[in-house]
Amino acid sequence: MIDEVFADVKDRMNKAVESAKESFATVRTGRANPALLQGVLVDYYGTPTPLPQLAAVANQDARSLVITPYDKGAMKDIEQAIRDMPNLGANPSNDGSVIRVNLPELTEERRKEFVKIVKAKAEDARVAVRNLRRRAKDDLDALKSEVGEDDVVRAEKELEALTKQIIDQVDDAMKRKETELLEV
């Protein structure tokens, strides 16, 4: 039973780390990356739809992306969704068949703002991991009468070690992204 609780929390914590890394990928560095537009929701016939379901996104060069909509009727909606996207600072243009997004050069001030955003996302991930730890600890406490207090105490120590390891992974990913952002 303890193993099941531990396996479940480990899986969930690893998913939290992956989610944090995906979230970091949406923060713009100096280079264009299709992952920047992963979280864009387009109002497609009244339904918020993720951009990757409506169009192919590719790099044209280091500072521009090309978006090829599957439905040409959605071009205006896609353009509007990109324009409304915070922290991108890009103005998309279309030529009737594709949408081009030229990303402006990042200033020092803008880079520092992005570092703050990444740190906030990392803190959110750490909070999620701590919440998972708390839930797992509650589950372990509920098992005390069935498996014994010594086993639960041992499992709680393992849980603390796992939590520290996972939080360190989040911190490492944050530091890599921060270095990438501040690189000129």
N, C-alpha and C. Protein backbone atom coordinates (compact mmCIF):
# COMPACT_ATOMS: atom_id res chain seq x y z
N MET A 1 0.81 -1.19 0.00
CA MET A 1 0.00 0.00 0.00
C MET A 1 0.85 1.26 0.00
N ILE A 2 1.90 1.26 0.81
CA ILE A 2 2.80 2.41 0.84
C ILE A 2 3.46 2.58 -0.52
N ASP A 3 3.83 1.44 -1.13
CA ASP A 3 4.46 1.51 -2.45
C ASP A 3 3.53 2.14 -3.48
N GLU A 4 2.25 1.84 -3.39
CA GLU A 4 1.28 2.41 -4.33
C GLU A 4 1.19 3.93 -4.16
N VAL A 5 1.11 4.38 -2.91
CA VAL A 5 1.06 5.82 -2.63
C VAL A 5 2.32 6.48 -3.15
N PHE A 6 3.46 5.85 -2.87
CA PHE A 6 4.74 6.42 -3.27
C PHE A 6 4.88 6.46 -4.79
N ALA A 7 4.48 5.40 -5.48
CA ALA A 7 4.56 5.36 -6.95
C ALA A 7 3.66 6.42 -7.56
N ASP A 8 2.46 6.59 -7.00
CA ASP A 8 1.51 7.58 -7.51
C ASP A 8 2.07 8.99 -7.35
N VAL A 9 2.57 9.30 -6.17
CA VAL A 9 3.07 10.66 -5.93
C VAL A 9 4.33 10.92 -6.77
N LYS A 10 5.16 9.92 -6.96
CA LYS A 10 6.36 10.10 -7.77
C LYS A 10 5.97 10.40 -9.22
N ASP A 11 5.00 9.68 -9.73
CA ASP A 11 4.51 9.90 -11.09
C ASP A 11 3.94 11.31 -11.24
N ARG A 12 3.12 11.71 -10.26
CA ARG A 12 2.51 13.04 -10.32
C ARG A 12 3.56 14.15 -10.21
N MET A 13 4.56 13.95 -9.36
CA MET A 13 5.61 14.96 -9.23
C MET A 13 6.43 15.09 -10.51
N ASN A 14 6.72 13.95 -11.14
CA ASN A 14 7.45 14.00 -12.41
C ASN A 14 6.64 14.73 -13.48
N LYS A 15 5.32 14.54 -13.45
CA LYS A 15 4.46 15.25 -14.39
C LYS A 15 4.48 16.75 -14.10
N ALA A 16 4.58 17.13 -12.84
CA ALA A 16 4.66 18.54 -12.48
C ALA A 16 5.94 19.16 -13.02
N VAL A 17 7.04 18.41 -12.97
CA VAL A 17 8.31 18.90 -13.52
C VAL A 17 8.19 19.08 -15.03
N GLU A 18 7.62 18.10 -15.71
CA GLU A 18 7.45 18.20 -17.16
C GLU A 18 6.55 19.37 -17.52
N SER A 19 5.51 19.57 -16.75
CA SER A 19 4.61 20.70 -16.99
C SER A 19 5.35 22.03 -16.82
N ALA A 20 6.20 22.10 -15.81
CA ALA A 20 6.99 23.32 -15.60
C ALA A 20 7.93 23.57 -16.77
N LYS A 21 8.57 22.51 -17.26
CA LYS A 21 9.47 22.67 -18.41
C LYS A 21 8.72 23.13 -19.65
N GLU A 22 7.52 22.58 -19.86
CA GLU A 22 6.70 23.02 -20.99
C GLU A 22 6.30 24.48 -20.82
N SER A 23 5.99 24.85 -19.60
CA SER A 23 5.62 26.22 -19.30
C SER A 23 6.80 27.17 -19.55
N PHE A 24 8.00 26.74 -19.19
CA PHE A 24 9.19 27.55 -19.44
C PHE A 24 9.41 27.73 -20.94
N ALA A 25 9.09 26.73 -21.73
CA ALA A 25 9.30 26.79 -23.17
C ALA A 25 8.43 27.86 -23.82
N THR A 26 7.32 28.22 -23.18
CA THR A 26 6.45 29.23 -23.76
C THR A 26 6.96 30.64 -23.51
N VAL A 27 7.98 30.78 -22.67
CA VAL A 27 8.56 32.10 -22.41
C VAL A 27 9.62 32.35 -23.47
N ARG A 28 9.49 33.47 -24.11
CA ARG A 28 10.30 33.79 -25.27
C ARG A 28 11.74 34.12 -24.89
N THR A 29 12.66 33.52 -25.61
CA THR A 29 14.07 33.93 -25.52
C THR A 29 14.36 34.75 -26.77
N GLY A 30 15.59 34.95 -27.10
CA GLY A 30 15.93 35.74 -28.28
C GLY A 30 15.60 35.04 -29.58
N ARG A 31 15.39 33.75 -29.54
CA ARG A 31 15.15 32.98 -30.77
C ARG A 31 13.68 32.63 -30.92
N ALA A 32 13.26 32.53 -32.16
CA ALA A 32 11.89 32.10 -32.43
C ALA A 32 11.80 30.59 -32.21
N ASN A 33 10.72 30.16 -31.60
CA ASN A 33 10.52 28.75 -31.31
C ASN A 33 9.02 28.46 -31.40
N PRO A 34 8.61 27.47 -32.17
CA PRO A 34 7.18 27.16 -32.27
C PRO A 34 6.51 26.90 -30.92
N ALA A 35 7.28 26.50 -29.91
CA ALA A 35 6.71 26.24 -28.59
C ALA A 35 6.16 27.52 -27.96
N LEU A 36 6.60 28.68 -28.43
CA LEU A 36 6.10 29.94 -27.90
C LEU A 36 4.59 30.07 -28.10
N LEU A 37 4.08 29.44 -29.13
CA LEU A 37 2.67 29.57 -29.47
C LEU A 37 1.83 28.37 -29.04
N GLN A 38 2.42 27.45 -28.26
CA GLN A 38 1.71 26.26 -27.82
C GLN A 38 0.46 26.59 -27.01
N GLY A 39 0.53 27.58 -26.16
CA GLY A 39 -0.57 27.88 -25.27
C GLY A 39 -1.61 28.84 -25.83
N VAL A 40 -1.44 29.24 -27.09
CA VAL A 40 -2.36 30.21 -27.69
C VAL A 40 -3.71 29.54 -27.96
N LEU A 41 -4.77 30.14 -27.46
CA LEU A 41 -6.13 29.65 -27.73
C LEU A 41 -6.78 30.61 -28.71
N VAL A 42 -7.27 30.06 -29.81
CA VAL A 42 -7.90 30.84 -30.87
C VAL A 42 -9.41 30.67 -30.75
N ASP A 43 -10.14 31.76 -30.86
CA ASP A 43 -11.60 31.69 -30.83
C ASP A 43 -12.06 31.23 -32.22
N TYR A 44 -12.21 29.93 -32.36
CA TYR A 44 -12.55 29.31 -33.65
C TYR A 44 -14.02 28.95 -33.65
N TYR A 45 -14.82 29.75 -34.34
CA TYR A 45 -16.27 29.56 -34.39
C TYR A 45 -16.87 29.47 -32.99
N GLY A 46 -16.41 30.37 -32.11
CA GLY A 46 -16.97 30.46 -30.77
C GLY A 46 -16.38 29.49 -29.76
N THR A 47 -15.43 28.66 -30.18
CA THR A 47 -14.83 27.69 -29.28
C THR A 47 -13.34 27.97 -29.13
N PRO A 48 -12.84 28.13 -27.89
CA PRO A 48 -11.40 28.31 -27.72
C PRO A 48 -10.67 27.03 -28.14
N THR A 49 -9.82 27.15 -29.16
CA THR A 49 -9.13 26.00 -29.73
C THR A 49 -7.62 26.26 -29.71
N PRO A 50 -6.81 25.29 -29.28
CA PRO A 50 -5.36 25.48 -29.28
C PRO A 50 -4.85 25.69 -30.72
N LEU A 51 -3.93 26.63 -30.87
CA LEU A 51 -3.38 26.96 -32.18
C LEU A 51 -2.82 25.75 -32.93
N PRO A 52 -2.08 24.83 -32.26
CA PRO A 52 -1.54 23.68 -33.00
C PRO A 52 -2.61 22.80 -33.66
N GLN A 53 -3.87 22.89 -33.20
CA GLN A 53 -4.95 22.12 -33.83
C GLN A 53 -5.49 22.82 -35.07
N LEU A 54 -5.17 24.11 -35.21
CA LEU A 54 -5.69 24.88 -36.34
C LEU A 54 -4.66 25.19 -37.41
N ALA A 55 -3.38 25.04 -37.07
CA ALA A 55 -2.34 25.47 -38.01
C ALA A 55 -1.02 24.78 -37.71
N ALA A 56 -0.18 24.75 -38.74
CA ALA A 56 1.19 24.27 -38.58
C ALA A 56 2.07 25.48 -38.27
N VAL A 57 2.92 25.36 -37.27
CA VAL A 57 3.81 26.45 -36.88
C VAL A 57 5.24 26.00 -37.12
N ALA A 58 6.01 26.84 -37.83
CA ALA A 58 7.40 26.47 -38.14
C ALA A 58 8.29 27.70 -38.03
N ASN A 59 9.59 27.45 -37.82
CA ASN A 59 10.57 28.53 -37.82
C ASN A 59 10.86 28.92 -39.27
N GLN A 60 10.88 30.21 -39.52
CA GLN A 60 11.34 30.68 -40.82
C GLN A 60 12.83 31.02 -40.72
N ASP A 61 13.18 31.74 -39.67
CA ASP A 61 14.58 32.02 -39.36
C ASP A 61 14.68 32.24 -37.86
N ALA A 62 15.77 32.82 -37.39
CA ALA A 62 16.01 32.93 -35.95
C ALA A 62 15.00 33.82 -35.23
N ARG A 63 14.37 34.77 -35.94
CA ARG A 63 13.46 35.68 -35.25
C ARG A 63 12.07 35.72 -35.85
N SER A 64 11.71 34.73 -36.65
CA SER A 64 10.36 34.74 -37.20
C SER A 64 9.77 33.34 -37.31
N LEU A 65 8.45 33.31 -37.18
CA LEU A 65 7.69 32.06 -37.28
C LEU A 65 6.71 32.17 -38.45
N VAL A 66 6.43 31.04 -39.08
CA VAL A 66 5.43 30.99 -40.14
C VAL A 66 4.32 30.06 -39.68
N ILE A 67 3.09 30.56 -39.75
CA ILE A 67 1.93 29.78 -39.34
C ILE A 67 1.09 29.53 -40.58
N THR A 68 0.86 28.25 -40.87
CA THR A 68 0.06 27.87 -42.03
C THR A 68 -1.25 27.28 -41.52
N PRO A 69 -2.34 28.06 -41.60
CA PRO A 69 -3.63 27.55 -41.10
C PRO A 69 -4.16 26.43 -41.99
N TYR A 70 -4.81 25.46 -41.37
CA TYR A 70 -5.45 24.38 -42.13
C TYR A 70 -6.73 24.90 -42.77
N ASP A 71 -7.36 25.88 -42.12
CA ASP A 71 -8.59 26.50 -42.62
C ASP A 71 -8.29 27.98 -42.81
N LYS A 72 -8.26 28.43 -44.06
CA LYS A 72 -7.91 29.83 -44.35
C LYS A 72 -8.91 30.81 -43.73
N GLY A 73 -10.11 30.35 -43.43
CA GLY A 73 -11.11 31.20 -42.80
C GLY A 73 -10.77 31.57 -41.37
N ALA A 74 -9.83 30.87 -40.79
CA ALA A 74 -9.46 31.12 -39.40
C ALA A 74 -8.27 32.08 -39.28
N MET A 75 -7.77 32.59 -40.40
CA MET A 75 -6.57 33.44 -40.36
C MET A 75 -6.74 34.67 -39.48
N LYS A 76 -7.85 35.37 -39.62
CA LYS A 76 -8.06 36.59 -38.81
C LYS A 76 -8.12 36.26 -37.32
N ASP A 77 -8.79 35.15 -37.00
CA ASP A 77 -8.89 34.75 -35.59
C ASP A 77 -7.52 34.37 -35.02
N ILE A 78 -6.72 33.69 -35.82
CA ILE A 78 -5.36 33.32 -35.38
C ILE A 78 -4.52 34.56 -35.17
N GLU A 79 -4.59 35.49 -36.13
CA GLU A 79 -3.84 36.74 -35.99
C GLU A 79 -4.22 37.48 -34.72
N GLN A 80 -5.53 37.55 -34.45
CA GLN A 80 -6.01 38.27 -33.28
C GLN A 80 -5.52 37.59 -31.99
N ALA A 81 -5.56 36.27 -31.96
CA ALA A 81 -5.11 35.54 -30.77
C ALA A 81 -3.63 35.80 -30.50
N ILE A 82 -2.83 35.86 -31.55
CA ILE A 82 -1.39 36.12 -31.38
C ILE A 82 -1.17 37.55 -30.93
N ARG A 83 -1.91 38.49 -31.50
CA ARG A 83 -1.81 39.90 -31.10
C ARG A 83 -2.17 40.07 -29.62
N ASP A 84 -3.18 39.33 -29.16
CA ASP A 84 -3.64 39.44 -27.78
C ASP A 84 -2.75 38.72 -26.78
N MET A 85 -1.81 37.92 -27.28
CA MET A 85 -0.96 37.13 -26.40
C MET A 85 -0.01 38.03 -25.62
N PRO A 86 -0.06 37.94 -24.27
CA PRO A 86 0.87 38.77 -23.47
C PRO A 86 2.29 38.22 -23.58
N ASN A 87 3.24 39.08 -23.35
CA ASN A 87 4.66 38.72 -23.29
C ASN A 87 5.28 38.30 -24.61
N LEU A 88 4.58 38.46 -25.73
CA LEU A 88 5.18 38.10 -27.01
C LEU A 88 5.69 39.35 -27.71
N GLY A 89 4.88 40.40 -27.73
CA GLY A 89 5.30 41.66 -28.32
C GLY A 89 5.46 41.59 -29.82
N ALA A 90 4.74 40.70 -30.48
CA ALA A 90 4.86 40.54 -31.92
C ALA A 90 3.59 41.02 -32.61
N ASN A 91 3.76 41.45 -33.87
CA ASN A 91 2.63 41.88 -34.66
C ASN A 91 2.57 40.98 -35.90
N PRO A 92 1.62 40.03 -35.93
CA PRO A 92 1.55 39.11 -37.07
C PRO A 92 1.01 39.79 -38.32
N SER A 93 1.43 39.28 -39.46
CA SER A 93 0.92 39.77 -40.74
C SER A 93 0.63 38.56 -41.62
N ASN A 94 -0.38 38.69 -42.49
CA ASN A 94 -0.67 37.56 -43.35
C ASN A 94 -0.66 38.00 -44.81
N ASP A 95 -0.36 37.04 -45.67
CA ASP A 95 -0.32 37.31 -47.10
C ASP A 95 -1.42 36.55 -47.84
N GLY A 96 -2.39 36.07 -47.09
CA GLY A 96 -3.50 35.35 -47.69
C GLY A 96 -3.38 33.85 -47.56
N SER A 97 -2.17 33.34 -47.42
CA SER A 97 -2.01 31.89 -47.28
C SER A 97 -1.27 31.50 -46.00
N VAL A 98 -0.35 32.35 -45.52
CA VAL A 98 0.37 32.08 -44.28
C VAL A 98 0.40 33.34 -43.43
N ILE A 99 0.64 33.14 -42.14
CA ILE A 99 0.80 34.26 -41.21
C ILE A 99 2.26 34.28 -40.78
N ARG A 100 2.86 35.44 -40.89
CA ARG A 100 4.26 35.59 -40.47
C ARG A 100 4.28 36.38 -39.16
N VAL A 101 5.06 35.88 -38.21
CA VAL A 101 5.21 36.55 -36.92
C VAL A 101 6.69 36.88 -36.75
N ASN A 102 7.02 38.16 -36.85
CA ASN A 102 8.40 38.60 -36.64
C ASN A 102 8.53 39.05 -35.19
N LEU A 103 9.44 38.42 -34.49
CA LEU A 103 9.64 38.73 -33.07
C LEU A 103 10.67 39.84 -32.93
N PRO A 104 10.33 40.90 -32.20
CA PRO A 104 11.29 41.99 -32.02
C PRO A 104 12.46 41.56 -31.14
N GLU A 105 13.55 42.26 -31.28
CA GLU A 105 14.74 42.01 -30.46
C GLU A 105 14.40 42.29 -29.00
N LEU A 106 14.90 41.45 -28.12
CA LEU A 106 14.63 41.64 -26.69
C LEU A 106 15.58 42.66 -26.09
N THR A 107 15.02 43.56 -25.31
CA THR A 107 15.85 44.53 -24.59
C THR A 107 16.25 43.92 -23.25
N GLU A 108 17.22 44.53 -22.61
CA GLU A 108 17.67 44.07 -21.29
C GLU A 108 16.52 44.06 -20.29
N GLU A 109 15.73 45.13 -20.32
CA GLU A 109 14.59 45.24 -19.41
C GLU A 109 13.57 44.12 -19.65
N ARG A 110 13.30 43.85 -20.92
CA ARG A 110 12.33 42.81 -21.28
C ARG A 110 12.85 41.43 -20.85
N ARG A 111 14.13 41.20 -21.00
CA ARG A 111 14.72 39.93 -20.58
C ARG A 111 14.53 39.73 -19.07
N LYS A 112 14.75 40.78 -18.31
CA LYS A 112 14.59 40.69 -16.86
C LYS A 112 13.13 40.42 -16.49
N GLU A 113 12.19 41.02 -17.24
CA GLU A 113 10.77 40.73 -17.01
C GLU A 113 10.48 39.25 -17.25
N PHE A 114 11.06 38.71 -18.31
CA PHE A 114 10.85 37.30 -18.63
C PHE A 114 11.45 36.39 -17.56
N VAL A 115 12.59 36.80 -16.98
CA VAL A 115 13.19 36.02 -15.90
C VAL A 115 12.23 35.99 -14.71
N LYS A 116 11.59 37.11 -14.41
CA LYS A 116 10.61 37.15 -13.32
C LYS A 116 9.45 36.21 -13.60
N ILE A 117 9.01 36.18 -14.86
CA ILE A 117 7.90 35.29 -15.24
C ILE A 117 8.31 33.84 -15.04
N VAL A 118 9.53 33.50 -15.45
CA VAL A 118 10.03 32.12 -15.30
C VAL A 118 10.12 31.76 -13.82
N LYS A 119 10.60 32.68 -13.01
CA LYS A 119 10.70 32.41 -11.57
C LYS A 119 9.32 32.19 -10.96
N ALA A 120 8.33 32.95 -11.41
CA ALA A 120 6.97 32.76 -10.91
C ALA A 120 6.42 31.40 -11.33
N LYS A 121 6.71 30.99 -12.57
CA LYS A 121 6.26 29.68 -13.03
C LYS A 121 6.95 28.56 -12.24
N ALA A 122 8.22 28.76 -11.91
CA ALA A 122 8.95 27.77 -11.12
C ALA A 122 8.36 27.68 -9.72
N GLU A 123 8.01 28.81 -9.15
CA GLU A 123 7.40 28.80 -7.81
C GLU A 123 6.06 28.08 -7.84
N ASP A 124 5.29 28.29 -8.90
CA ASP A 124 4.02 27.57 -9.04
C ASP A 124 4.26 26.07 -9.09
N ALA A 125 5.29 25.65 -9.79
CA ALA A 125 5.62 24.22 -9.88
C ALA A 125 6.04 23.68 -8.52
N ARG A 126 6.85 24.46 -7.78
CA ARG A 126 7.27 24.03 -6.44
C ARG A 126 6.07 23.90 -5.52
N VAL A 127 5.13 24.83 -5.60
CA VAL A 127 3.92 24.77 -4.78
C VAL A 127 3.12 23.51 -5.14
N ALA A 128 3.02 23.22 -6.42
CA ALA A 128 2.28 22.02 -6.85
C ALA A 128 2.93 20.76 -6.28
N VAL A 129 4.26 20.71 -6.31
CA VAL A 129 4.98 19.55 -5.77
C VAL A 129 4.75 19.44 -4.26
N ARG A 130 4.80 20.57 -3.57
CA ARG A 130 4.57 20.53 -2.12
C ARG A 130 3.14 20.10 -1.78
N ASN A 131 2.19 20.52 -2.60
CA ASN A 131 0.80 20.08 -2.39
C ASN A 131 0.68 18.57 -2.60
N LEU A 132 1.37 18.05 -3.60
CA LEU A 132 1.37 16.60 -3.83
C LEU A 132 1.98 15.88 -2.63
N ARG A 133 3.06 16.45 -2.09
CA ARG A 133 3.70 15.85 -0.92
C ARG A 133 2.73 15.82 0.26
N ARG A 134 2.01 16.93 0.46
CA ARG A 134 1.06 17.01 1.58
C ARG A 134 -0.04 15.96 1.43
N ARG A 135 -0.55 15.82 0.20
CA ARG A 135 -1.62 14.82 -0.02
C ARG A 135 -1.09 13.40 0.22
N ALA A 136 0.13 13.15 -0.25
CA ALA A 136 0.71 11.82 -0.06
C ALA A 136 0.95 11.56 1.43
N LYS A 137 1.39 12.58 2.16
CA LYS A 137 1.61 12.43 3.60
C LYS A 137 0.30 12.11 4.31
N ASP A 138 -0.79 12.78 3.88
CA ASP A 138 -2.10 12.48 4.45
C ASP A 138 -2.51 11.04 4.16
N ASP A 139 -2.23 10.59 2.94
CA ASP A 139 -2.54 9.20 2.58
C ASP A 139 -1.74 8.22 3.43
N LEU A 140 -0.47 8.56 3.65
CA LEU A 140 0.38 7.69 4.47
C LEU A 140 -0.11 7.66 5.92
N ASP A 141 -0.50 8.81 6.44
CA ASP A 141 -1.01 8.87 7.81
C ASP A 141 -2.27 8.02 7.95
N ALA A 142 -3.08 7.97 6.92
CA ALA A 142 -4.30 7.16 6.96
C ALA A 142 -3.96 5.67 6.99
N LEU A 143 -2.77 5.31 6.53
CA LEU A 143 -2.36 3.90 6.50
C LEU A 143 -1.70 3.43 7.79
N LYS A 144 -1.47 4.32 8.74
CA LYS A 144 -0.74 3.97 9.97
C LYS A 144 -1.32 2.75 10.67
N SER A 145 -2.63 2.68 10.77
CA SER A 145 -3.25 1.57 11.50
C SER A 145 -3.08 0.24 10.76
N GLU A 146 -2.93 0.30 9.44
CA GLU A 146 -2.84 -0.93 8.65
C GLU A 146 -1.41 -1.47 8.53
N VAL A 147 -0.43 -0.56 8.37
CA VAL A 147 0.93 -1.02 8.10
C VAL A 147 1.91 -0.77 9.23
N GLY A 148 1.56 0.03 10.18
CA GLY A 148 2.45 0.29 11.30
C GLY A 148 3.12 1.64 11.18
N GLU A 149 3.40 2.21 12.34
CA GLU A 149 3.94 3.56 12.38
C GLU A 149 5.37 3.65 11.86
N ASP A 150 6.19 2.64 12.12
CA ASP A 150 7.58 2.66 11.66
C ASP A 150 7.67 2.73 10.14
N ASP A 151 6.85 1.92 9.48
CA ASP A 151 6.85 1.92 8.01
C ASP A 151 6.40 3.27 7.46
N VAL A 152 5.42 3.88 8.10
CA VAL A 152 4.92 5.18 7.65
C VAL A 152 6.00 6.24 7.84
N VAL A 153 6.69 6.21 8.98
CA VAL A 153 7.76 7.19 9.23
C VAL A 153 8.87 7.03 8.19
N ARG A 154 9.24 5.79 7.89
CA ARG A 154 10.26 5.53 6.87
C ARG A 154 9.80 6.06 5.50
N ALA A 155 8.54 5.81 5.18
CA ALA A 155 8.00 6.27 3.90
C ALA A 155 7.96 7.80 3.83
N GLU A 156 7.66 8.44 4.97
CA GLU A 156 7.63 9.90 4.98
C GLU A 156 9.02 10.49 4.75
N LYS A 157 10.05 9.83 5.27
CA LYS A 157 11.43 10.28 5.02
C LYS A 157 11.77 10.14 3.54
N GLU A 158 11.35 9.03 2.94
CA GLU A 158 11.57 8.83 1.50
C GLU A 158 10.81 9.89 0.70
N LEU A 159 9.62 10.22 1.16
CA LEU A 159 8.79 11.23 0.49
C LEU A 159 9.48 12.59 0.54
N GLU A 160 10.07 12.94 1.68
CA GLU A 160 10.80 14.20 1.81
C GLU A 160 12.00 14.24 0.85
N ALA A 161 12.72 13.11 0.77
CA ALA A 161 13.88 13.05 -0.13
C ALA A 161 13.43 13.20 -1.58
N LEU A 162 12.34 12.53 -1.94
CA LEU A 162 11.81 12.63 -3.30
C LEU A 162 11.38 14.07 -3.60
N THR A 163 10.72 14.70 -2.65
CA THR A 163 10.26 16.08 -2.84
C THR A 163 11.44 17.00 -3.08
N LYS A 164 12.49 16.85 -2.30
CA LYS A 164 13.68 17.67 -2.48
C LYS A 164 14.30 17.44 -3.85
N GLN A 165 14.37 16.19 -4.27
CA GLN A 165 14.93 15.86 -5.59
C GLN A 165 14.11 16.50 -6.72
N ILE A 166 12.80 16.43 -6.62
CA ILE A 166 11.92 16.99 -7.65
C ILE A 166 12.02 18.52 -7.68
N ILE A 167 12.05 19.14 -6.50
CA ILE A 167 12.16 20.60 -6.45
C ILE A 167 13.51 21.04 -7.02
N ASP A 168 14.56 20.26 -6.77
CA ASP A 168 15.86 20.57 -7.37
C ASP A 168 15.81 20.49 -8.89
N GLN A 169 15.05 19.54 -9.43
CA GLN A 169 14.89 19.45 -10.89
C GLN A 169 14.20 20.70 -11.44
N VAL A 170 13.18 21.17 -10.75
CA VAL A 170 12.49 22.40 -11.17
C VAL A 170 13.45 23.58 -11.12
N ASP A 171 14.22 23.67 -10.04
CA ASP A 171 15.19 24.77 -9.91
C ASP A 171 16.25 24.72 -11.00
N ASP A 172 16.73 23.52 -11.33
CA ASP A 172 17.73 23.39 -12.40
C ASP A 172 17.15 23.84 -13.74
N ALA A 173 15.93 23.44 -14.03
CA ALA A 173 15.29 23.84 -15.29
C ALA A 173 15.10 25.36 -15.32
N MET A 174 14.73 25.94 -14.16
CA MET A 174 14.56 27.39 -14.09
C MET A 174 15.88 28.10 -14.33
N LYS A 175 16.95 27.60 -13.74
CA LYS A 175 18.27 28.24 -13.92
C LYS A 175 18.73 28.16 -15.37
N ARG A 176 18.47 27.01 -16.03
CA ARG A 176 18.83 26.89 -17.45
C ARG A 176 18.06 27.91 -18.29
N LYS A 177 16.78 28.05 -18.01
CA LYS A 177 15.96 29.00 -18.77
C LYS A 177 16.41 30.43 -18.48
N GLU A 178 16.74 30.71 -17.24
CA GLU A 178 17.19 32.05 -16.87
C GLU A 178 18.50 32.39 -17.60
N THR A 179 19.42 31.43 -17.66
CA THR A 179 20.67 31.63 -18.37
C THR A 179 20.40 31.87 -19.86
N GLU A 180 19.49 31.09 -20.41
CA GLU A 180 19.12 31.23 -21.82
C GLU A 180 18.51 32.62 -22.09
N LEU A 181 17.69 33.09 -21.16
CA LEU A 181 17.05 34.40 -21.33
C LEU A 181 18.05 35.55 -21.26
N LEU A 182 19.00 35.45 -20.36
CA LEU A 182 19.93 36.56 -20.16
C LEU A 182 21.08 36.53 -21.15
N GLU A 183 21.19 35.47 -21.93
CA GLU A 183 22.23 35.35 -22.95
C GLU A 183 21.90 36.31 -24.09
N VAL A 184 22.88 37.13 -24.46
CA VAL A 184 22.63 38.14 -25.51
C VAL A 184 23.06 37.62 -26.86
